[in-house]
């Protein structure tokens, strides 16, 4: 192995265990020659699943630099021995035997191409890899950046094992910090485009490519400001409002304004891409499909905003789903659709209150419209210079207060034993948004509104509610019909059932009889 060569030639990663110790738990077995790049990842035992990413990285860079790929596999071998030194896990002994066999064959075959030593080789390759993909002429395709960030992260883990910490220069450490920020920025790759060596067939569909391009259209959108004291691309911000946060798609832009969770953003992004692609496949020839058609987006917006348009018509209020002149309607339509999907994704039980969702979307769509086309804050009227919201801002300030009301009413139900007139269910709360009185909630919603009113349960409970900002006092009564049930309700249901049976029997008994047929001579026909 590289680390077992003489003292005069100190190349290869530093060994923490002797070669004799690493060989003891294993037994050499001759394996058949096959596609080893595919075998690496497929043979990983379940107990060693954490090492699979670095093996995929070794397969990715095998052709570019076989020596660095060899060092990555050597790092995996030592990590396996640290995780399971006795090879007691299922399949661990066989996998270590296979990996050791391959490392011995590649030790002499994998030559240095950038430097004469292993530490210098992997340092130079890591720097060149970063400059190639993240430099001024780097790859800016959002589909591949998530995978590239994962490769760079695993490369740095292998580098730290090969190169002593004191020998890692500041430039390499700075590159690693920038990669870490980009991992947080780009997150995981699309589930429909998994980070594997061969692109799946679905990634080559023109409908998918057109949908992804449309979702990533963020031209002319005002960028949110990064708060003071954070770092951007490895540089410290000295001014309180000196830079803006880079945005990759319309979902990230909406999250920077309203504060949605990352998991919800990823799910709804994939949801919208698949919806657009599915509609495009049904409406157009795939071979000629290069960009989204207006009819594709119109079909989707009609399905999503049908209830919202009916809600505005019922309340006789102007819809905030509007488009000014000389605007990019396709971009704005997709932003409105993405906004509704994000609201629905975090609504939890409030999804059972569709008119409540319409009210939330109505106000948030107004903010989007004003910010994009007037660049002013919808409440203060000042120039919009909003800072990035945290991921739980929408959940904490919009969804949670309404959910707390649902939770209190569910407790008042007493598991179905309480009278239906003493508590409000989903329909009763949702009915509050059927009238113009719902606009008295305001936006942001006023926590002292009668909608958030809770019943008095003593001084201690009232004080606790006031601390949360809710109005303590008499709860909001039923808004319409209240069904009161007594023991006579059983008799009434029984009476209705027998009335139905009696009428059905009577209608069958007194039905008109069909007169007998007559022949040409006037005599009745004989069936004998």
Protein backbone atom coordinates (compact mmCIF):
# COMPACT_ATOMS: atom_id res chain seq x y z
CA UNK A 1 0.00 0.00 0.00
CA UNK A 2 1.02 3.62 -0.40
CA UNK A 3 1.63 4.09 3.28
CA UNK A 4 3.77 0.96 3.63
CA UNK A 5 6.53 2.05 1.28
CA UNK A 6 9.94 2.85 2.74
CA UNK A 7 10.73 5.69 5.09
CA UNK A 8 12.50 7.58 2.33
CA UNK A 9 9.37 7.86 0.21
CA UNK A 10 6.65 9.16 2.50
CA UNK A 11 3.69 9.18 0.18
CA UNK A 12 0.11 8.14 0.65
CA UNK A 13 -2.31 8.82 3.49
CA UNK A 14 -1.04 8.47 7.06
CA UNK A 15 -1.92 5.10 8.53
CA UNK A 16 -3.40 4.85 12.01
CA UNK A 17 -3.27 1.04 11.93
CA UNK A 18 -0.55 -1.27 10.73
CA UNK A 19 -1.05 -3.30 7.61
CA UNK A 20 -0.90 -6.48 9.65
CA UNK A 21 -3.79 -5.33 11.84
CA UNK A 22 -5.93 -4.29 8.90
CA UNK A 23 -5.42 -7.67 7.24
CA UNK A 24 -6.13 -9.80 10.27
CA UNK A 25 -9.97 -9.72 10.21
CA UNK A 26 -10.15 -10.43 6.46
CA UNK A 27 -9.39 -13.34 4.16
CA UNK A 28 -8.26 -12.80 0.57
CA UNK A 29 -10.67 -14.04 -2.06
CA UNK A 30 -10.23 -13.75 -5.80
CA UNK A 31 -13.22 -11.87 -7.23
CA UNK A 32 -14.26 -11.95 -10.89
CA UNK A 33 -13.41 -8.97 -13.05
CA UNK A 34 -16.50 -6.81 -13.57
CA UNK A 35 -17.62 -3.19 -13.58
CA UNK A 36 -16.02 -2.25 -10.28
CA UNK A 37 -17.29 1.33 -10.35
CA UNK A 38 -20.83 0.01 -10.10
CA UNK A 39 -19.91 -2.71 -7.60
CA UNK A 40 -18.44 -0.23 -5.10
CA UNK A 41 -21.75 1.34 -4.24
CA UNK A 42 -23.91 -1.76 -4.68
CA UNK A 43 -21.96 -4.00 -2.27
CA UNK A 44 -21.95 -1.60 0.66
CA UNK A 45 -23.46 -3.42 3.67
CA UNK A 46 -26.42 -1.74 5.39
CA UNK A 47 -24.37 -1.08 8.53
CA UNK A 48 -21.85 0.93 6.45
CA UNK A 49 -24.32 3.05 4.50
CA UNK A 50 -22.54 6.26 5.55
CA UNK A 51 -19.51 5.44 3.37
CA UNK A 52 -21.51 5.09 0.13
CA UNK A 53 -21.26 8.82 -0.81
CA UNK A 54 -17.46 8.86 -0.78
CA UNK A 55 -17.37 5.70 -2.92
CA UNK A 56 -19.64 7.40 -5.45
CA UNK A 57 -17.21 10.34 -5.48
CA UNK A 58 -14.32 7.96 -6.17
CA UNK A 59 -16.24 6.52 -9.11
CA UNK A 60 -17.01 10.01 -10.43
CA UNK A 61 -13.36 11.16 -10.48
CA UNK A 62 -11.80 7.83 -11.49
CA UNK A 63 -11.16 8.92 -15.08
CA UNK A 64 -10.04 12.46 -14.20
CA UNK A 65 -7.55 11.50 -11.49
CA UNK A 66 -7.15 7.80 -10.61
CA UNK A 67 -4.73 8.63 -7.77
CA UNK A 68 -7.24 10.81 -5.92
CA UNK A 69 -9.92 8.14 -6.48
CA UNK A 70 -7.51 5.61 -4.94
CA UNK A 71 -6.96 7.89 -1.94
CA UNK A 72 -10.73 8.22 -1.46
CA UNK A 73 -11.12 4.43 -1.41
CA UNK A 74 -8.21 4.12 1.00
CA UNK A 75 -9.96 6.63 3.27
CA UNK A 76 -13.11 4.48 3.06
CA UNK A 77 -11.15 1.36 3.98
CA UNK A 78 -9.72 2.93 7.12
CA UNK A 79 -13.09 4.37 8.06
CA UNK A 80 -14.68 0.92 7.76
CA UNK A 81 -12.03 -0.52 10.05
CA UNK A 82 -12.75 2.17 12.62
CA UNK A 83 -16.49 1.55 12.43
CA UNK A 84 -16.28 -2.25 12.62
CA UNK A 85 -12.73 -3.44 13.49
CA UNK A 86 -13.83 -7.06 14.06
CA UNK A 87 -15.91 -7.28 10.85
CA UNK A 88 -18.86 -8.52 12.87
CA UNK A 89 -21.52 -6.81 10.74
CA UNK A 90 -23.37 -8.65 8.03
CA UNK A 91 -21.39 -8.50 4.78
CA UNK A 92 -18.64 -6.30 6.26
CA UNK A 93 -15.89 -8.93 6.01
CA UNK A 94 -16.63 -9.65 2.35
CA UNK A 95 -16.74 -5.97 1.47
CA UNK A 96 -13.43 -5.23 3.24
CA UNK A 97 -11.84 -8.16 1.41
CA UNK A 98 -13.05 -6.87 -1.94
CA UNK A 99 -11.92 -3.30 -1.21
CA UNK A 100 -8.47 -4.39 0.02
CA UNK A 101 -8.03 -6.52 -3.09
CA UNK A 102 -8.81 -3.54 -5.30
CA UNK A 103 -6.57 -1.15 -3.37
CA UNK A 104 -3.57 -3.48 -3.75
CA UNK A 105 -4.09 -3.65 -7.52
CA UNK A 106 -4.50 0.14 -7.86
CA UNK A 107 -1.58 1.10 -5.61
CA UNK A 108 0.99 0.97 -8.39
CA UNK A 109 -1.35 1.56 -11.34
CA UNK A 110 -2.76 4.87 -10.05
CA UNK A 111 0.04 7.32 -10.87
CA UNK A 112 0.44 10.91 -9.73
CA UNK A 113 -0.54 13.51 -12.34
CA UNK A 114 -0.45 16.85 -10.49
CA UNK A 115 2.29 16.37 -7.88
CA UNK A 116 4.80 13.85 -6.56
CA UNK A 117 3.14 13.22 -3.22
CA UNK A 118 -0.37 12.20 -2.21
CA UNK A 119 -1.08 15.22 0.04
CA UNK A 120 -0.06 17.66 -2.67
CA UNK A 121 -1.95 15.67 -5.32
CA UNK A 122 -5.31 15.81 -3.52
CA UNK A 123 -4.83 19.47 -2.52
CA UNK A 124 -4.26 20.56 -6.11
CA UNK A 125 -7.10 18.43 -7.43
CA UNK A 126 -9.53 19.84 -4.82
CA UNK A 127 -8.58 23.40 -5.78
CA UNK A 128 -8.91 22.72 -9.51
CA UNK A 129 -12.26 21.00 -8.98
CA UNK A 130 -13.61 24.05 -7.15
CA UNK A 131 -12.31 26.52 -9.76
CA UNK A 132 -13.73 24.45 -12.62
CA UNK A 133 -17.28 24.24 -11.25
CA UNK A 134 -17.58 27.35 -9.05
CA UNK A 135 -15.20 29.80 -10.71
CA UNK A 136 -16.13 32.64 -13.05
CA UNK A 137 -16.62 30.19 -15.92
CA UNK A 138 -17.96 27.45 -13.73
CA UNK A 139 -21.03 25.29 -14.20
CA UNK A 140 -24.10 27.32 -13.23
CA UNK A 141 -26.73 24.69 -14.00
CA UNK A 142 -28.93 24.45 -10.84
CA UNK A 143 -29.74 20.81 -11.70
CA UNK A 144 -26.09 19.75 -11.20
CA UNK A 145 -24.89 22.15 -8.51
CA UNK A 146 -26.40 20.12 -5.67
CA UNK A 147 -24.55 16.99 -6.82
CA UNK A 148 -21.31 18.93 -7.36
CA UNK A 149 -21.53 20.36 -3.84
CA UNK A 150 -21.88 16.84 -2.44
CA UNK A 151 -18.80 15.68 -4.37
CA UNK A 152 -16.74 18.64 -3.12
CA UNK A 153 -17.84 17.99 0.47
CA UNK A 154 -16.77 14.33 0.37
CA UNK A 155 -13.48 15.26 -1.32
CA UNK A 156 -12.63 17.57 1.55
CA UNK A 157 -13.36 14.79 4.08
CA UNK A 158 -10.88 12.54 2.28
CA UNK A 159 -8.40 15.43 2.06
CA UNK A 160 -8.46 15.92 5.84
CA UNK A 161 -7.50 12.27 6.30
CA UNK A 162 -4.61 12.43 3.82
CA UNK A 163 -3.25 15.89 4.68
CA UNK A 164 -2.43 16.81 8.29
CA UNK A 165 -4.51 19.68 9.63
CA UNK A 166 -1.47 21.89 10.09
CA UNK A 167 -0.55 21.45 6.41
CA UNK A 168 -3.92 22.62 4.99
CA UNK A 169 -3.46 26.18 3.68
CA UNK A 170 -5.90 29.04 4.23
CA UNK A 171 -7.06 29.04 0.62
CA UNK A 172 -8.21 25.42 0.87
CA UNK A 173 -10.02 26.12 4.15
CA UNK A 174 -11.73 29.13 2.58
CA UNK A 175 -12.83 26.97 -0.38
CA UNK A 176 -14.27 24.42 2.05
CA UNK A 177 -16.25 27.14 3.83
CA UNK A 178 -17.65 28.39 0.52
CA UNK A 179 -18.66 24.85 -0.44
CA UNK A 180 -20.44 24.44 2.89
CA UNK A 181 -22.44 27.63 2.25
CA UNK A 182 -23.33 26.43 -1.23
CA UNK A 183 -24.58 23.12 0.19
CA UNK A 184 -26.94 25.10 2.44
CA UNK A 185 -27.94 27.26 -0.52
CA UNK A 186 -28.65 24.57 -3.11
CA UNK A 187 -29.68 21.81 -0.68
CA UNK A 188 -30.49 18.39 -2.05
CA UNK A 189 -30.95 17.70 -5.70
CA UNK A 190 -34.46 17.28 -7.11
CA UNK A 191 -35.97 13.93 -6.24
CA UNK A 192 -36.88 13.57 -9.92
CA UNK A 193 -33.22 14.20 -10.80
CA UNK A 194 -31.29 12.08 -8.29
CA UNK A 195 -27.51 12.65 -7.98
CA UNK A 196 -26.32 9.47 -9.65
CA UNK A 197 -23.71 8.88 -12.30
CA UNK A 198 -26.10 8.32 -15.21
CA UNK A 199 -28.90 10.79 -15.73
CA UNK A 200 -32.32 9.14 -15.65
CA UNK A 201 -34.52 9.20 -18.69
CA UNK A 202 -36.99 11.63 -17.12
CA UNK A 203 -34.26 14.28 -16.90
CA UNK A 204 -33.97 14.28 -20.70
CA UNK A 205 -37.64 14.98 -21.30
CA UNK A 206 -38.08 18.43 -22.89
CA UNK A 207 -41.15 19.03 -20.70
CA UNK A 208 -39.07 18.62 -17.52
CA UNK A 209 -36.34 20.90 -18.85
CA UNK A 210 -38.85 23.57 -19.86
CA UNK A 211 -40.59 23.41 -16.47
CA UNK A 212 -37.30 23.70 -14.55
CA UNK A 213 -36.23 26.65 -16.71
CA UNK A 214 -39.51 28.45 -16.03
CA UNK A 215 -39.30 27.82 -12.27
CA UNK A 216 -35.75 29.23 -12.20
CA UNK A 217 -36.73 32.45 -13.99
CA UNK A 218 -36.04 35.13 -11.35
CA UNK A 219 -35.22 38.03 -13.65
CA UNK A 220 -36.22 41.51 -12.45
CA UNK A 221 -37.27 40.24 -9.01
CA UNK A 222 -36.08 42.40 -6.06
CA UNK A 223 -33.56 40.45 -4.04
CA UNK A 224 -33.80 40.28 -0.23
CA UNK A 225 -31.04 41.74 1.91
CA UNK A 226 -28.71 39.60 4.01
CA UNK A 227 -28.78 40.65 7.70
CA UNK A 228 -25.73 42.27 9.21
CA UNK A 229 -22.97 40.01 10.49
CA UNK A 230 -23.43 37.06 8.09
CA UNK A 231 -21.01 35.83 5.45
CA UNK A 232 -21.64 35.63 1.73
CA UNK A 233 -19.35 33.55 -0.49
CA UNK A 234 -16.67 33.49 2.21
CA UNK A 235 -16.51 37.28 2.70
CA UNK A 236 -17.59 39.16 5.80
CA UNK A 237 -20.24 41.85 5.37
CA UNK A 238 -19.06 45.15 6.81
CA UNK A 239 -22.09 47.25 5.95
CA UNK A 240 -25.51 46.57 7.42
CA UNK A 241 -27.17 46.67 3.96
CA UNK A 242 -24.24 46.01 1.65
CA UNK A 243 -25.26 42.88 -0.23
CA UNK A 244 -28.22 40.78 -1.28
CA UNK A 245 -28.88 37.08 -1.04
CA UNK A 246 -28.63 35.09 -4.30
CA UNK A 247 -31.90 33.47 -5.38
CA UNK A 248 -32.08 30.36 -7.58
CA UNK A 249 -35.83 30.02 -8.28
CA UNK A 250 -39.21 31.56 -7.49
CA UNK A 251 -39.72 29.27 -4.49
CA UNK A 252 -36.58 30.57 -2.78
CA UNK A 253 -37.66 34.13 -3.60
CA UNK A 254 -41.06 33.61 -1.98
CA UNK A 255 -39.43 31.98 1.04
CA UNK A 256 -37.14 34.97 1.49
CA UNK A 257 -40.21 37.22 1.78
CA UNK A 258 -42.62 35.07 3.82
CA UNK A 259 -40.38 32.44 5.42
CA UNK A 260 -41.29 28.89 4.37
CA UNK A 261 -39.59 25.67 5.51
CA UNK A 262 -36.98 24.00 3.31
CA UNK A 263 -38.81 20.67 3.17
CA UNK A 264 -41.98 22.36 2.00
CA UNK A 265 -40.04 24.32 -0.64
CA UNK A 266 -38.42 21.16 -2.04
CA UNK A 267 -41.70 19.24 -2.15
CA UNK A 268 -43.74 21.99 -3.78
CA UNK A 269 -40.96 22.78 -6.27
CA UNK A 270 -40.98 19.20 -7.46
CA UNK A 271 -44.79 19.18 -7.38
CA UNK A 272 -45.04 22.21 -9.66
CA UNK A 273 -42.41 20.90 -12.08
CA UNK A 274 -44.22 17.58 -12.45
CA UNK A 275 -47.61 19.27 -12.84
CA UNK A 276 -46.33 21.54 -15.62
CA UNK A 277 -44.54 18.67 -17.35
CA UNK A 278 -47.57 16.37 -17.12
CA UNK A 279 -49.88 18.98 -18.63
CA UNK A 280 -47.32 19.72 -21.34
CA UNK A 281 -47.02 16.05 -22.29
CA UNK A 282 -50.78 15.79 -22.78
CA UNK A 283 -51.13 19.04 -24.72
CA UNK A 284 -48.11 19.10 -27.08
CA UNK A 285 -45.75 16.99 -29.12
CA UNK A 286 -42.74 16.28 -26.86
CA UNK A 287 -40.24 16.52 -29.73
CA UNK A 288 -41.24 20.13 -30.45
CA UNK A 289 -41.57 21.14 -26.79
CA UNK A 290 -38.85 23.66 -25.86
CA UNK A 291 -40.65 26.08 -23.54
CA UNK A 292 -43.86 26.31 -21.56
CA UNK A 293 -46.96 27.24 -23.50
CA UNK A 294 -49.41 29.82 -22.22
CA UNK A 295 -52.21 27.26 -22.39
CA UNK A 296 -50.28 24.92 -20.06
CA UNK A 297 -50.05 27.52 -17.30
CA UNK A 298 -53.62 28.69 -17.90
CA UNK A 299 -54.90 25.15 -17.48
CA UNK A 300 -53.04 24.82 -14.17
CA UNK A 301 -54.06 28.21 -12.81
CA UNK A 302 -57.72 27.51 -13.62
CA UNK A 303 -57.61 24.35 -11.51
CA UNK A 304 -55.76 25.94 -8.59
CA UNK A 305 -57.52 29.31 -8.36
CA UNK A 306 -61.06 28.22 -9.21
CA UNK A 307 -62.17 28.32 -5.56
CA UNK A 308 -60.34 31.59 -4.90
CA UNK A 309 -62.09 33.31 -7.81
CA UNK A 310 -65.48 32.06 -6.56
CA UNK A 311 -64.61 33.31 -3.06
CA UNK A 312 -63.82 36.80 -4.36
CA UNK A 313 -67.01 36.83 -6.40
CA UNK A 314 -69.10 35.74 -3.40
CA UNK A 315 -67.64 38.47 -1.15
CA UNK A 316 -67.73 41.01 -4.00
CA UNK A 317 -64.10 41.94 -3.44
CA UNK A 318 -61.44 42.63 -6.04
CA UNK A 319 -59.15 39.70 -6.73
CA UNK A 320 -55.47 40.18 -5.97
CA UNK A 321 -54.61 37.70 -8.69
CA UNK A 322 -53.87 40.46 -11.16
CA UNK A 323 -51.29 41.47 -13.74
CA UNK A 324 -50.27 44.99 -14.74
CA UNK A 325 -49.51 46.06 -18.23
CA UNK A 326 -46.13 45.28 -19.82
CA UNK A 327 -45.38 42.60 -17.22
CA UNK A 328 -43.99 39.09 -17.55
CA UNK A 329 -47.31 37.33 -17.04
CA UNK A 330 -45.86 33.83 -17.23
CA UNK A 331 -43.39 34.58 -14.45
CA UNK A 332 -46.02 36.24 -12.27
CA UNK A 333 -48.53 33.43 -12.83
CA UNK A 334 -45.97 30.86 -11.76
CA UNK A 335 -45.15 32.95 -8.68
CA UNK A 336 -48.84 33.05 -7.69
CA UNK A 337 -49.17 29.30 -8.25
CA UNK A 338 -46.01 28.60 -6.26
CA UNK A 339 -47.26 30.85 -3.45
CA UNK A 340 -50.55 28.94 -3.17
CA UNK A 341 -48.74 25.59 -3.18
CA UNK A 342 -46.40 26.76 -0.41
CA UNK A 343 -49.34 27.99 1.68
CA UNK A 344 -51.15 24.70 1.21
CA UNK A 345 -48.01 22.72 2.02
CA UNK A 346 -47.64 24.26 5.49
CA UNK A 347 -51.35 24.69 6.28
CA UNK A 348 -51.63 21.40 8.20
CA UNK A 349 -55.25 20.97 9.44
CA UNK A 350 -56.18 24.38 8.05
CA UNK A 351 -56.42 22.65 4.67
CA UNK A 352 -59.91 21.63 5.80
CA UNK A 353 -60.81 25.36 5.78
CA UNK A 354 -60.53 26.28 2.07
CA UNK A 355 -61.99 29.78 2.45
CA UNK A 356 -59.44 30.49 5.19
CA UNK A 357 -56.69 29.55 2.73
CA UNK A 358 -58.27 31.93 0.23
CA UNK A 359 -58.08 34.73 2.80
CA UNK A 360 -54.39 34.01 3.48
CA UNK A 361 -53.55 33.84 -0.21
CA UNK A 362 -55.56 37.01 -0.88
CA UNK A 363 -53.38 39.07 1.44
CA UNK A 364 -50.06 37.46 0.55
CA UNK A 365 -50.73 37.83 -3.18
CA UNK A 366 -51.29 41.55 -2.57
CA UNK A 367 -47.87 41.79 -0.93
CA UNK A 368 -46.25 40.01 -3.88
CA UNK A 369 -47.95 42.31 -6.38
CA UNK A 370 -46.95 45.50 -4.57
CA UNK A 371 -43.36 44.37 -3.99
CA UNK A 372 -42.75 43.35 -7.60
CA UNK A 373 -44.43 46.18 -9.46
CA UNK A 374 -44.27 49.10 -7.04
CA UNK A 375 -41.20 48.16 -4.99
CA UNK A 376 -42.89 49.53 -1.88
CA UNK A 377 -44.06 47.92 1.33
CA UNK A 378 -47.85 47.28 1.18
CA UNK A 379 -48.41 48.57 4.75
CA UNK A 380 -45.96 51.43 5.30
CA UNK A 381 -45.68 52.56 1.69
CA UNK A 382 -41.90 52.91 2.00
CA UNK A 383 -39.38 51.51 -0.45
CA UNK A 384 -39.19 47.75 -0.08
CA UNK A 385 -35.92 46.65 1.50
CA UNK A 386 -37.02 43.48 3.21
CA UNK A 387 -34.55 41.19 4.90
CA UNK A 388 -34.59 37.42 4.56
CA UNK A 389 -37.18 35.72 6.78
CA UNK A 390 -36.37 32.67 8.84
CA UNK A 391 -37.79 29.33 7.75
CA UNK A 392 -40.54 29.21 10.37
CA UNK A 393 -41.84 32.77 10.01
CA UNK A 394 -44.99 31.83 8.07
CA UNK A 395 -45.69 28.79 10.26
CA UNK A 396 -45.21 30.79 13.45
CA UNK A 397 -47.13 33.95 12.57
CA UNK A 398 -49.91 32.73 10.26
CA UNK A 399 -50.61 29.03 10.71
CA UNK A 400 -49.96 28.56 14.44
CA UNK A 401 -52.51 31.16 15.72
CA UNK A 402 -55.30 29.60 13.64
CA UNK A 403 -54.24 26.10 14.60
CA UNK A 404 -54.36 27.07 18.29
CA UNK A 405 -58.02 28.03 17.84
CA UNK A 406 -58.73 24.65 16.24
CA UNK A 407 -56.93 22.91 19.07
CA UNK A 408 -58.93 24.73 21.76
CA UNK A 409 -62.22 23.94 20.04
CA UNK A 410 -61.23 20.26 19.68
CA UNK A 411 -60.56 20.07 23.43
CA UNK A 412 -63.97 21.58 24.11
CA UNK A 413 -65.49 18.72 22.13
CA UNK A 414 -64.66 16.33 25.02
CA UNK A 415 -64.17 13.45 22.58
CA UNK A 416 -67.64 13.74 21.13
CA UNK A 417 -69.54 13.92 24.42
CA UNK A 418 -70.13 17.70 24.34
CA UNK A 419 -73.14 19.18 22.58
CA UNK A 420 -72.59 20.31 19.03
CA UNK A 421 -73.79 23.80 19.99
CA UNK A 422 -71.00 24.31 22.56
CA UNK A 423 -67.97 24.11 20.28
CA UNK A 424 -66.94 25.13 16.77
CA UNK A 425 -65.83 22.60 14.19
CA UNK A 426 -63.98 23.17 10.92
CA UNK A 427 -67.11 24.27 9.08
CA UNK A 428 -68.06 26.79 11.76
CA UNK A 429 -64.61 28.37 11.78
CA UNK A 430 -64.38 28.31 8.00
CA UNK A 431 -67.79 30.01 7.77
CA UNK A 432 -66.23 33.06 9.42
CA UNK A 433 -64.45 33.68 6.09
CA UNK A 434 -67.69 33.58 4.11
CA UNK A 435 -68.55 37.17 5.01
CA UNK A 436 -66.86 40.53 4.64
CA UNK A 437 -66.33 40.55 8.40
CA UNK A 438 -63.28 38.34 7.91
CA UNK A 439 -61.38 41.37 6.62
CA UNK A 440 -61.55 42.81 10.15
CA UNK A 441 -58.79 40.33 10.99
CA UNK A 442 -56.41 42.56 9.08
CA UNK A 443 -53.00 41.63 7.75
CA UNK A 444 -50.87 40.75 9.59
CA UNK A 445 -53.73 39.19 11.54
CA UNK A 446 -54.78 40.96 14.71
CA UNK A 447 -54.42 38.51 17.65
CA UNK A 448 -57.09 40.42 19.64
CA UNK A 449 -59.78 39.77 17.03
CA UNK A 450 -62.95 37.99 18.12
CA UNK A 451 -61.97 35.09 15.82
CA UNK A 452 -59.20 34.22 18.28
CA UNK A 453 -61.46 34.67 21.30
CA UNK A 454 -61.32 31.87 23.86
CA UNK A 455 -63.79 31.10 26.69
CA UNK A 456 -63.05 32.07 30.28
CA UNK A 457 -61.61 29.18 32.29
CA UNK A 458 -60.52 31.11 35.33
CA UNK A 459 -58.08 33.92 35.92
CA UNK A 460 -54.97 31.81 35.33
CA UNK A 461 -56.07 30.65 31.87
CA UNK A 462 -57.19 34.15 30.89
CA UNK A 463 -53.81 35.60 31.86
CA UNK A 464 -52.03 32.89 29.89
CA UNK A 465 -54.07 33.72 26.79
CA UNK A 466 -53.37 37.41 27.16
CA UNK A 467 -49.65 36.62 27.38
CA UNK A 468 -49.85 34.90 24.00
CA UNK A 469 -51.64 37.92 22.56
CA UNK A 470 -55.06 36.30 22.20
CA UNK A 471 -58.18 38.00 23.43
CA UNK A 472 -59.57 36.34 26.55
CA UNK A 473 -63.30 36.44 27.08
CA UNK A 474 -66.38 34.92 25.53
CA UNK A 475 -65.67 32.82 22.53
CA UNK A 476 -66.99 33.52 19.06
CA UNK A 477 -70.51 31.99 18.83
CA UNK A 478 -71.82 29.88 16.00
CA UNK A 479 -72.22 31.94 12.86
CA UNK A 480 -75.23 30.22 11.33
CA UNK A 481 -77.48 27.20 11.99
CA UNK A 482 -76.91 25.40 15.28
CA UNK A 483 -78.17 21.82 15.44
CA UNK A 484 -79.55 20.95 18.87
CA UNK A 485 -80.03 17.22 19.48
CA UNK A 486 -82.17 15.64 22.21
CA UNK A 487 -83.45 12.10 22.84
CA UNK A 488 -86.33 12.90 20.45
CA UNK A 489 -83.75 12.89 17.64
CA UNK A 490 -83.73 9.08 17.64
CA UNK A 491 -87.52 8.94 17.36
CA UNK A 492 -87.43 11.45 14.51
CA UNK A 493 -84.93 9.39 12.50
CA UNK A 494 -87.02 6.24 13.13
CA UNK A 495 -90.17 8.09 12.08
CA UNK A 496 -88.57 9.33 8.86
CA UNK A 497 -87.48 5.80 7.95
CA UNK A 498 -90.99 4.31 8.34
CA UNK A 499 -92.58 7.22 6.48
CA UNK A 500 -90.26 6.47 3.56
CA UNK A 501 -91.12 2.75 3.62
CA UNK A 502 -94.86 3.49 3.79
CA UNK A 503 -94.78 5.90 0.84
CA UNK A 504 -92.68 3.50 -1.23
CA UNK A 505 -95.10 0.63 -0.55
CA UNK A 506 -98.12 2.81 -1.35
CA UNK A 507 -96.64 4.00 -4.64
CA UNK A 508 -96.02 0.40 -5.70
CA UNK A 509 -99.52 -0.76 -4.64
CA UNK A 510 -101.56 1.94 -6.35
CA UNK A 511 -99.49 2.09 -9.53
CA UNK A 512 -101.77 2.16 -12.66
CA UNK A 513 -102.46 -1.19 -14.28
CA UNK A 514 -101.53 -1.72 -17.93
CA UNK A 515 -104.69 -2.32 -20.07
CA UNK A 516 -104.79 -5.60 -22.05
CA UNK A 517 -103.85 -5.52 -25.71
CA UNK A 518 -106.62 -5.98 -28.32
CA UNK A 519 -106.49 -7.80 -31.68
CA UNK A 520 -107.73 -6.44 -35.01
CA UNK A 521 -111.23 -7.96 -34.50
CA UNK A 522 -111.48 -6.44 -31.03
CA UNK A 523 -110.94 -9.70 -29.14
CA UNK A 524 -108.40 -10.00 -26.37
CA UNK A 525 -105.33 -12.05 -27.30
CA UNK A 526 -104.98 -15.52 -25.90
CA UNK A 527 -101.64 -16.62 -24.42
CA UNK A 528 -102.66 -20.23 -23.97
